[in-house]
Amino acid sequence: MEFTVLEESKNKLVFQLKGETHTFCNVLKEELYTVKGVKVATYRIDHPLIGIPTFMLETSGVEPRKALKEALKSLRKKAEEFKKEVKGL
């Protein structure tokens, strides 16, 4: 995954995730909405076969990068918990 910032301000972050698909992007979008202060979390993929996901994140009261890091940390924890559950089967 390659992370590229296209636009950044106090309350907005627009970035691309080269190498990712709807699978990860949907999970990340939903996790972002669990972070306090996130107002808008959405993405688009312009072409289904060769498009690069472009995210737009808008926040209030929290820095967008901080919100993104918090969401990613939470996803990592959930993935580890899921991995442990699967190993136990």
PDB file of N, CA and C in Angstrom:
ATOM      1  N   MET A   1       0.846  -1.169   0.000  1.00  0.00           N
ATOM      2  CA  MET A   1       0.000   0.000   0.000  1.00  0.00           C
ATOM      3  C   MET A   1       0.896   1.237   0.000  1.00  0.00           C
ATOM      4  N   GLU A   2       0.570   2.160  -0.879  1.00  0.00           N
ATOM      5  CA  GLU A   2       1.305   3.417  -0.965  1.00  0.00           C
ATOM      6  C   GLU A   2       0.371   4.568  -0.583  1.00  0.00           C
ATOM      7  N   PHE A   3       0.756   5.358   0.400  1.00  0.00           N
ATOM      8  CA  PHE A   3      -0.041   6.459   0.927  1.00  0.00           C
ATOM      9  C   PHE A   3       0.491   7.765   0.349  1.00  0.00           C
ATOM     10  N   THR A   4      -0.387   8.502  -0.370  1.00  0.00           N
ATOM     11  CA  THR A   4       0.001   9.772  -0.977  1.00  0.00           C
ATOM     12  C   THR A   4      -0.999  10.852  -0.582  1.00  0.00           C
ATOM     13  N   VAL A   5      -0.510  11.918   0.021  1.00  0.00           N
ATOM     14  CA  VAL A   5      -1.371  13.036   0.409  1.00  0.00           C
ATOM     15  C   VAL A   5      -1.540  13.961  -0.791  1.00  0.00           C
ATOM     16  N   LEU A   6      -2.797  14.259  -1.129  1.00  0.00           N
ATOM     17  CA  LEU A   6      -3.104  15.165  -2.226  1.00  0.00           C
ATOM     18  C   LEU A   6      -3.447  16.566  -1.731  1.00  0.00           C
ATOM     19  N   GLU A   7      -4.073  16.630  -0.556  1.00  0.00           N
ATOM     20  CA  GLU A   7      -4.486  17.915   0.013  1.00  0.00           C
ATOM     21  C   GLU A   7      -4.554  17.755   1.526  1.00  0.00           C
ATOM     22  N   GLU A   8      -4.084  18.779   2.235  1.00  0.00           N
ATOM     23  CA  GLU A   8      -4.130  18.710   3.695  1.00  0.00           C
ATOM     24  C   GLU A   8      -4.338  20.102   4.273  1.00  0.00           C
ATOM     25  N   SER A   9      -5.262  20.185   5.212  1.00  0.00           N
ATOM     26  CA  SER A   9      -5.492  21.423   5.950  1.00  0.00           C
ATOM     27  C   SER A   9      -5.802  21.053   7.392  1.00  0.00           C
ATOM     28  N   LYS A  10      -6.188  22.031   8.180  1.00  0.00           N
ATOM     29  CA  LYS A  10      -6.440  21.805   9.606  1.00  0.00           C
ATOM     30  C   LYS A  10      -7.521  20.756   9.845  1.00  0.00           C
ATOM     31  N   ASN A  11      -8.572  20.753   9.029  1.00  0.00           N
ATOM     32  CA  ASN A  11      -9.698  19.854   9.246  1.00  0.00           C
ATOM     33  C   ASN A  11      -9.986  18.931   8.067  1.00  0.00           C
ATOM     34  N   LYS A  12      -9.093  18.868   7.098  1.00  0.00           N
ATOM     35  CA  LYS A  12      -9.365  18.047   5.909  1.00  0.00           C
ATOM     36  C   LYS A  12      -8.090  17.372   5.428  1.00  0.00           C
ATOM     37  N   LEU A  13      -8.255  16.115   5.027  1.00  0.00           N
ATOM     38  CA  LEU A  13      -7.152  15.350   4.464  1.00  0.00           C
ATOM     39  C   LEU A  13      -7.674  14.571   3.272  1.00  0.00           C
ATOM     40  N   VAL A  14      -7.034  14.763   2.123  1.00  0.00           N
ATOM     41  CA  VAL A  14      -7.366  14.004   0.923  1.00  0.00           C
ATOM     42  C   VAL A  14      -6.122  13.200   0.569  1.00  0.00           C
ATOM     43  N   PHE A  15      -6.291  11.886   0.454  1.00  0.00           N
ATOM     44  CA  PHE A  15      -5.134  11.026   0.200  1.00  0.00           C
ATOM     45  C   PHE A  15      -5.518   9.844  -0.671  1.00  0.00           C
ATOM     46  N   GLN A  16      -4.498   9.235  -1.272  1.00  0.00           N
ATOM     47  CA  GLN A  16      -4.693   8.049  -2.097  1.00  0.00           C
ATOM     48  C   GLN A  16      -4.032   6.850  -1.431  1.00  0.00           C
ATOM     49  N   LEU A  17      -4.621   5.681  -1.669  1.00  0.00           N
ATOM     50  CA  LEU A  17      -4.071   4.419  -1.170  1.00  0.00           C
ATOM     51  C   LEU A  17      -3.823   3.500  -2.361  1.00  0.00           C
ATOM     52  N   LYS A  18      -2.703   3.708  -3.018  1.00  0.00           N
ATOM     53  CA  LYS A  18      -2.354   2.907  -4.193  1.00  0.00           C
ATOM     54  C   LYS A  18      -2.136   1.457  -3.777  1.00  0.00           C
ATOM     55  N   GLY A  19      -2.755   0.549  -4.517  1.00  0.00           N
ATOM     56  CA  GLY A  19      -2.605  -0.872  -4.234  1.00  0.00           C
ATOM     57  C   GLY A  19      -3.742  -1.450  -3.418  1.00  0.00           C
ATOM     58  N   GLU A  20      -4.710  -0.622  -3.035  1.00  0.00           N
ATOM     59  CA  GLU A  20      -5.842  -1.110  -2.244  1.00  0.00           C
ATOM     60  C   GLU A  20      -7.112  -1.173  -3.084  1.00  0.00           C
ATOM     61  N   THR A  21      -8.092  -1.910  -2.579  1.00  0.00           N
ATOM     62  CA  THR A  21      -9.358  -2.102  -3.285  1.00  0.00           C
ATOM     63  C   THR A  21     -10.510  -1.711  -2.353  1.00  0.00           C
ATOM     64  N   HIS A  22     -11.724  -1.940  -2.829  1.00  0.00           N
ATOM     65  CA  HIS A  22     -12.903  -1.645  -2.021  1.00  0.00           C
ATOM     66  C   HIS A  22     -12.890  -2.397  -0.694  1.00  0.00           C
ATOM     67  N   THR A  23     -12.304  -3.568  -0.658  1.00  0.00           N
ATOM     68  CA  THR A  23     -12.303  -4.378   0.555  1.00  0.00           C
ATOM     69  C   THR A  23     -11.721  -3.610   1.728  1.00  0.00           C
ATOM     70  N   PHE A  24     -10.501  -3.157   1.603  1.00  0.00           N
ATOM     71  CA  PHE A  24      -9.861  -2.418   2.690  1.00  0.00           C
ATOM     72  C   PHE A  24     -10.470  -1.034   2.853  1.00  0.00           C
ATOM     73  N   CYS A  25     -10.787  -0.377   1.750  1.00  0.00           N
ATOM     74  CA  CYS A  25     -11.310   0.991   1.823  1.00  0.00           C
ATOM     75  C   CYS A  25     -12.635   1.064   2.562  1.00  0.00           C
ATOM     76  N   ASN A  26     -13.526   0.109   2.336  1.00  0.00           N
ATOM     77  CA  ASN A  26     -14.804   0.100   3.060  1.00  0.00           C
ATOM     78  C   ASN A  26     -14.597  -0.093   4.555  1.00  0.00           C
ATOM     79  N   VAL A  27     -13.695  -0.990   4.919  1.00  0.00           N
ATOM     80  CA  VAL A  27     -13.408  -1.237   6.337  1.00  0.00           C
ATOM     81  C   VAL A  27     -12.813   0.016   6.978  1.00  0.00           C
ATOM     82  N   LEU A  28     -11.876   0.647   6.289  1.00  0.00           N
ATOM     83  CA  LEU A  28     -11.253   1.860   6.825  1.00  0.00           C
ATOM     84  C   LEU A  28     -12.280   2.978   6.961  1.00  0.00           C
ATOM     85  N   LYS A  29     -13.129   3.150   5.969  1.00  0.00           N
ATOM     86  CA  LYS A  29     -14.152   4.196   6.026  1.00  0.00           C
ATOM     87  C   LYS A  29     -15.062   4.001   7.237  1.00  0.00           C
ATOM     88  N   GLU A  30     -15.531   2.775   7.442  1.00  0.00           N
ATOM     89  CA  GLU A  30     -16.408   2.500   8.574  1.00  0.00           C
ATOM     90  C   GLU A  30     -15.698   2.715   9.906  1.00  0.00           C
ATOM     91  N   GLU A  31     -14.441   2.339   9.979  1.00  0.00           N
ATOM     92  CA  GLU A  31     -13.676   2.524  11.223  1.00  0.00           C
ATOM     93  C   GLU A  31     -13.431   4.005  11.493  1.00  0.00           C
ATOM     94  N   LEU A  32     -13.214   4.787  10.462  1.00  0.00           N
ATOM     95  CA  LEU A  32     -13.024   6.224  10.640  1.00  0.00           C
ATOM     96  C   LEU A  32     -14.246   6.865  11.288  1.00  0.00           C
ATOM     97  N   TYR A  33     -15.432   6.388  10.927  1.00  0.00           N
ATOM     98  CA  TYR A  33     -16.649   6.959  11.510  1.00  0.00           C
ATOM     99  C   TYR A  33     -16.801   6.643  12.999  1.00  0.00           C
ATOM    100  N   THR A  34     -16.032   5.707  13.523  1.00  0.00           N
ATOM    101  CA  THR A  34     -16.092   5.417  14.955  1.00  0.00           C
ATOM    102  C   THR A  34     -15.188   6.356  15.760  1.00  0.00           C
ATOM    103  N   VAL A  35     -14.327   7.095  15.066  1.00  0.00           N
ATOM    104  CA  VAL A  35     -13.406   8.013  15.734  1.00  0.00           C
ATOM    105  C   VAL A  35     -14.136   9.327  16.034  1.00  0.00           C
ATOM    106  N   LYS A  36     -14.070   9.745  17.289  1.00  0.00           N
ATOM    107  CA  LYS A  36     -14.735  10.979  17.698  1.00  0.00           C
ATOM    108  C   LYS A  36     -14.142  12.173  16.941  1.00  0.00           C
ATOM    109  N   GLY A  37     -15.018  12.999  16.378  1.00  0.00           N
ATOM    110  CA  GLY A  37     -14.583  14.181  15.652  1.00  0.00           C
ATOM    111  C   GLY A  37     -14.579  14.023  14.146  1.00  0.00           C
ATOM    112  N   VAL A  38     -14.772  12.811  13.643  1.00  0.00           N
ATOM    113  CA  VAL A  38     -14.806  12.600  12.197  1.00  0.00           C
ATOM    114  C   VAL A  38     -16.197  12.968  11.699  1.00  0.00           C
ATOM    115  N   LYS A  39     -16.241  13.926  10.780  1.00  0.00           N
ATOM    116  CA  LYS A  39     -17.513  14.373  10.202  1.00  0.00           C
ATOM    117  C   LYS A  39     -17.794  13.669   8.873  1.00  0.00           C
ATOM    118  N   VAL A  40     -16.772  13.562   8.022  1.00  0.00           N
ATOM    119  CA  VAL A  40     -16.925  12.943   6.709  1.00  0.00           C
ATOM    120  C   VAL A  40     -15.750  12.007   6.468  1.00  0.00           C
ATOM    121  N   ALA A  41     -16.058  10.798   6.051  1.00  0.00           N
ATOM    122  CA  ALA A  41     -15.042   9.833   5.651  1.00  0.00           C
ATOM    123  C   ALA A  41     -15.605   9.104   4.440  1.00  0.00           C
ATOM    124  N   THR A  42     -15.033   9.358   3.300  1.00  0.00           N
ATOM    125  CA  THR A  42     -15.525   8.735   2.079  1.00  0.00           C
ATOM    126  C   THR A  42     -14.365   8.510   1.121  1.00  0.00           C
ATOM    127  N   TYR A  43     -14.608   7.695   0.123  1.00  0.00           N
ATOM    128  CA  TYR A  43     -13.581   7.459  -0.887  1.00  0.00           C
ATOM    129  C   TYR A  43     -14.246   7.196  -2.225  1.00  0.00           C
ATOM    130  N   ARG A  44     -13.442   7.264  -3.268  1.00  0.00           N
ATOM    131  CA  ARG A  44     -13.914   6.931  -4.603  1.00  0.00           C
ATOM    132  C   ARG A  44     -12.789   6.237  -5.360  1.00  0.00           C
ATOM    133  N   ILE A  45     -13.199   5.395  -6.284  1.00  0.00           N
ATOM    134  CA  ILE A  45     -12.265   4.750  -7.205  1.00  0.00           C
ATOM    135  C   ILE A  45     -12.796   5.067  -8.596  1.00  0.00           C
ATOM    136  N   ASP A  46     -12.062   5.887  -9.336  1.00  0.00           N
ATOM    137  CA  ASP A  46     -12.552   6.378 -10.620  1.00  0.00           C
ATOM    138  C   ASP A  46     -12.724   5.291 -11.673  1.00  0.00           C
ATOM    139  N   HIS A  47     -11.864   4.299 -11.686  1.00  0.00           N
ATOM    140  CA  HIS A  47     -11.975   3.210 -12.655  1.00  0.00           C
ATOM    141  C   HIS A  47     -11.880   1.892 -11.903  1.00  0.00           C
ATOM    142  N   PRO A  48     -12.827   0.983 -12.103  1.00  0.00           N
ATOM    143  CA  PRO A  48     -12.853  -0.246 -11.297  1.00  0.00           C
ATOM    144  C   PRO A  48     -11.650  -1.166 -11.475  1.00  0.00           C
ATOM    145  N   LEU A  49     -10.965  -1.093 -12.598  1.00  0.00           N
ATOM    146  CA  LEU A  49      -9.837  -1.992 -12.820  1.00  0.00           C
ATOM    147  C   LEU A  49      -8.480  -1.355 -12.549  1.00  0.00           C
ATOM    148  N   ILE A  50      -8.351  -0.081 -12.872  1.00  0.00           N
ATOM    149  CA  ILE A  50      -7.029   0.544 -12.737  1.00  0.00           C
ATOM    150  C   ILE A  50      -7.035   1.769 -11.832  1.00  0.00           C
ATOM    151  N   GLY A  51      -8.180   2.068 -11.223  1.00  0.00           N
ATOM    152  CA  GLY A  51      -8.283   3.258 -10.387  1.00  0.00           C
ATOM    153  C   GLY A  51      -7.574   3.117  -9.055  1.00  0.00           C
ATOM    154  N   ILE A  52      -7.168   4.241  -8.536  1.00  0.00           N
ATOM    155  CA  ILE A  52      -6.523   4.307  -7.230  1.00  0.00           C
ATOM    156  C   ILE A  52      -7.526   4.934  -6.255  1.00  0.00           C
ATOM    157  N   PRO A  53      -7.796   4.294  -5.131  1.00  0.00           N
ATOM    158  CA  PRO A  53      -8.741   4.856  -4.166  1.00  0.00           C
ATOM    159  C   PRO A  53      -8.276   6.225  -3.655  1.00  0.00           C
ATOM    160  N   THR A  54      -9.179   7.188  -3.681  1.00  0.00           N
ATOM    161  CA  THR A  54      -8.925   8.525  -3.166  1.00  0.00           C
ATOM    162  C   THR A  54      -9.889   8.781  -2.019  1.00  0.00           C
ATOM    163  N   PHE A  55      -9.336   9.000  -0.835  1.00  0.00           N
ATOM    164  CA  PHE A  55     -10.123   9.247   0.370  1.00  0.00           C
ATOM    165  C   PHE A  55     -10.246  10.739   0.639  1.00  0.00           C
ATOM    166  N   MET A  56     -11.378  11.127   1.222  1.00  0.00           N
ATOM    167  CA  MET A  56     -11.546  12.474   1.750  1.00  0.00           C
ATOM    168  C   MET A  56     -11.994  12.313   3.202  1.00  0.00           C
ATOM    169  N   LEU A  57     -11.264  12.941   4.090  1.00  0.00           N
ATOM    170  CA  LEU A  57     -11.536  12.866   5.522  1.00  0.00           C
ATOM    171  C   LEU A  57     -11.672  14.282   6.066  1.00  0.00           C
ATOM    172  N   GLU A  58     -12.823  14.584   6.657  1.00  0.00           N
ATOM    173  CA  GLU A  58     -13.053  15.887   7.283  1.00  0.00           C
ATOM    174  C   GLU A  58     -13.354  15.663   8.754  1.00  0.00           C
ATOM    175  N   THR A  59     -12.759  16.517   9.592  1.00  0.00           N
ATOM    176  CA  THR A  59     -12.904  16.358  11.038  1.00  0.00           C
ATOM    177  C   THR A  59     -13.274  17.677  11.702  1.00  0.00           C
ATOM    178  N   SER A  60     -13.636  17.561  12.954  1.00  0.00           N
ATOM    179  CA  SER A  60     -13.925  18.728  13.786  1.00  0.00           C
ATOM    180  C   SER A  60     -13.408  18.422  15.185  1.00  0.00           C
ATOM    181  N   GLY A  61     -12.450  19.209  15.645  1.00  0.00           N
ATOM    182  CA  GLY A  61     -11.917  19.008  16.991  1.00  0.00           C
ATOM    183  C   GLY A  61     -10.809  17.981  17.085  1.00  0.00           C
ATOM    184  N   VAL A  62     -10.438  17.373  15.990  1.00  0.00           N
ATOM    185  CA  VAL A  62      -9.333  16.413  15.966  1.00  0.00           C
ATOM    186  C   VAL A  62      -8.615  16.565  14.626  1.00  0.00           C
ATOM    187  N   GLU A  63      -7.304  16.436  14.647  1.00  0.00           N
ATOM    188  CA  GLU A  63      -6.535  16.528  13.411  1.00  0.00           C
ATOM    189  C   GLU A  63      -6.826  15.308  12.544  1.00  0.00           C
ATOM    190  N   PRO A  64      -6.990  15.492  11.237  1.00  0.00           N
ATOM    191  CA  PRO A  64      -7.308  14.375  10.354  1.00  0.00           C
ATOM    192  C   PRO A  64      -6.279  13.233  10.416  1.00  0.00           C
ATOM    193  N   ARG A  65      -5.005  13.571  10.463  1.00  0.00           N
ATOM    194  CA  ARG A  65      -3.977  12.511  10.528  1.00  0.00           C
ATOM    195  C   ARG A  65      -4.096  11.719  11.825  1.00  0.00           C
ATOM    196  N   LYS A  66      -4.406  12.412  12.903  1.00  0.00           N
ATOM    197  CA  LYS A  66      -4.564  11.739  14.188  1.00  0.00           C
ATOM    198  C   LYS A  66      -5.760  10.792  14.149  1.00  0.00           C
ATOM    199  N   ALA A  67      -6.856  11.233  13.549  1.00  0.00           N
ATOM    200  CA  ALA A  67      -8.043  10.389  13.405  1.00  0.00           C
ATOM    201  C   ALA A  67      -7.729   9.162  12.554  1.00  0.00           C
ATOM    202  N   LEU A  68      -6.984   9.359  11.475  1.00  0.00           N
ATOM    203  CA  LEU A  68      -6.604   8.247  10.599  1.00  0.00           C
ATOM    204  C   LEU A  68      -5.737   7.247  11.357  1.00  0.00           C
ATOM    205  N   LYS A  69      -4.769   7.732  12.097  1.00  0.00           N
ATOM    206  CA  LYS A  69      -3.899   6.839  12.873  1.00  0.00           C
ATOM    207  C   LYS A  69      -4.693   6.057  13.912  1.00  0.00           C
ATOM    208  N   GLU A  70      -5.639   6.714  14.547  1.00  0.00           N
ATOM    209  CA  GLU A  70      -6.469   6.045  15.549  1.00  0.00           C
ATOM    210  C   GLU A  70      -7.305   4.929  14.912  1.00  0.00           C
ATOM    211  N   ALA A  71      -7.877   5.205  13.750  1.00  0.00           N
ATOM    212  CA  ALA A  71      -8.678   4.200  13.049  1.00  0.00           C
ATOM    213  C   ALA A  71      -7.809   3.020  12.617  1.00  0.00           C
ATOM    214  N   LEU A  72      -6.627   3.298  12.102  1.00  0.00           N
ATOM    215  CA  LEU A  72      -5.731   2.226  11.674  1.00  0.00           C
ATOM    216  C   LEU A  72      -5.263   1.383  12.854  1.00  0.00           C
ATOM    217  N   LYS A  73      -4.994   2.026  13.980  1.00  0.00           N
ATOM    218  CA  LYS A  73      -4.593   1.299  15.186  1.00  0.00           C
ATOM    219  C   LYS A  73      -5.714   0.358  15.632  1.00  0.00           C
ATOM    220  N   SER A  74      -6.940   0.847  15.588  1.00  0.00           N
ATOM    221  CA  SER A  74      -8.091   0.030  15.976  1.00  0.00           C
ATOM    222  C   SER A  74      -8.273  -1.147  15.019  1.00  0.00           C
ATOM    223  N   LEU A  75      -8.096  -0.901  13.730  1.00  0.00           N
ATOM    224  CA  LEU A  75      -8.215  -1.990  12.740  1.00  0.00           C
ATOM    225  C   LEU A  75      -7.141  -3.054  12.958  1.00  0.00           C
ATOM    226  N   ARG A  76      -5.933  -2.609  13.266  1.00  0.00           N
ATOM    227  CA  ARG A  76      -4.844  -3.560  13.523  1.00  0.00           C
ATOM    228  C   ARG A  76      -5.191  -4.454  14.715  1.00  0.00           C
ATOM    229  N   LYS A  77      -5.740  -3.849  15.767  1.00  0.00           N
ATOM    230  CA  LYS A  77      -6.119  -4.605  16.955  1.00  0.00           C
ATOM    231  C   LYS A  77      -7.222  -5.611  16.626  1.00  0.00           C
ATOM    232  N   LYS A  78      -8.218  -5.181  15.870  1.00  0.00           N
ATOM    233  CA  LYS A  78      -9.309  -6.077  15.481  1.00  0.00           C
ATOM    234  C   LYS A  78      -8.805  -7.218  14.609  1.00  0.00           C
ATOM    235  N   ALA A  79      -7.858  -6.934  13.718  1.00  0.00           N
ATOM    236  CA  ALA A  79      -7.296  -7.975  12.854  1.00  0.00           C
ATOM    237  C   ALA A  79      -6.532  -9.008  13.682  1.00  0.00           C
ATOM    238  N   GLU A  80      -5.793  -8.554  14.683  1.00  0.00           N
ATOM    239  CA  GLU A  80      -5.066  -9.481  15.551  1.00  0.00           C
ATOM    240  C   GLU A  80      -6.022 -10.358  16.356  1.00  0.00           C
ATOM    241  N   GLU A  81      -7.097  -9.761  16.854  1.00  0.00           N
ATOM    242  CA  GLU A  81      -8.099 -10.531  17.589  1.00  0.00           C
ATOM    243  C   GLU A  81      -8.750 -11.580  16.685  1.00  0.00           C
ATOM    244  N   PHE A  82      -9.053 -11.188  15.463  1.00  0.00           N
ATOM    245  CA  PHE A  82      -9.656 -12.108  14.496  1.00  0.00           C
ATOM    246  C   PHE A  82      -8.692 -13.261  14.180  1.00  0.00           C
ATOM    247  N   LYS A  83      -7.425 -12.924  14.019  1.00  0.00           N
ATOM    248  CA  LYS A  83      -6.396 -13.934  13.726  1.00  0.00           C
ATOM    249  C   LYS A  83      -6.316 -14.961  14.850  1.00  0.00           C
ATOM    250  N   LYS A  84      -6.375 -14.502  16.101  1.00  0.00           N
ATOM    251  CA  LYS A  84      -6.326 -15.405  17.249  1.00  0.00           C
ATOM    252  C   LYS A  84      -7.554 -16.309  17.268  1.00  0.00           C
ATOM    253  N   GLU A  85      -8.726 -15.758  16.963  1.00  0.00           N
ATOM    254  CA  GLU A  85      -9.959 -16.538  16.929  1.00  0.00           C
ATOM    255  C   GLU A  85      -9.911 -17.625  15.864  1.00  0.00           C
ATOM    256  N   VAL A  86      -9.378 -17.283  14.705  1.00  0.00           N
ATOM    257  CA  VAL A  86      -9.301 -18.249  13.606  1.00  0.00           C
ATOM    258  C   VAL A  86      -8.327 -19.363  13.946  1.00  0.00           C
ATOM    259  N   LYS A  87      -7.208 -19.016  14.570  1.00  0.00           N
ATOM    260  CA  LYS A  87      -6.231 -20.032  14.958  1.00  0.00           C
ATOM    261  C   LYS A  87      -6.817 -21.012  15.980  1.00  0.00           C
ATOM    262  N   GLY A  88      -7.756 -20.523  16.785  1.00  0.00           N
ATOM    263  CA  GLY A  88      -8.362 -21.353  17.815  1.00  0.00           C
ATOM    264  C   GLY A  88      -9.402 -22.339  17.301  1.00  0.00           C
ATOM    265  N   LEU A  89      -9.764 -22.226  16.029  1.00  0.00           N
ATOM    266  CA  LEU A  89     -10.781 -23.131  15.463  1.00  0.00           C
ATOM    267  C   LEU A  89     -10.222 -24.498  15.164  1.00  0.00           C
TER     268      LEU A  89
END
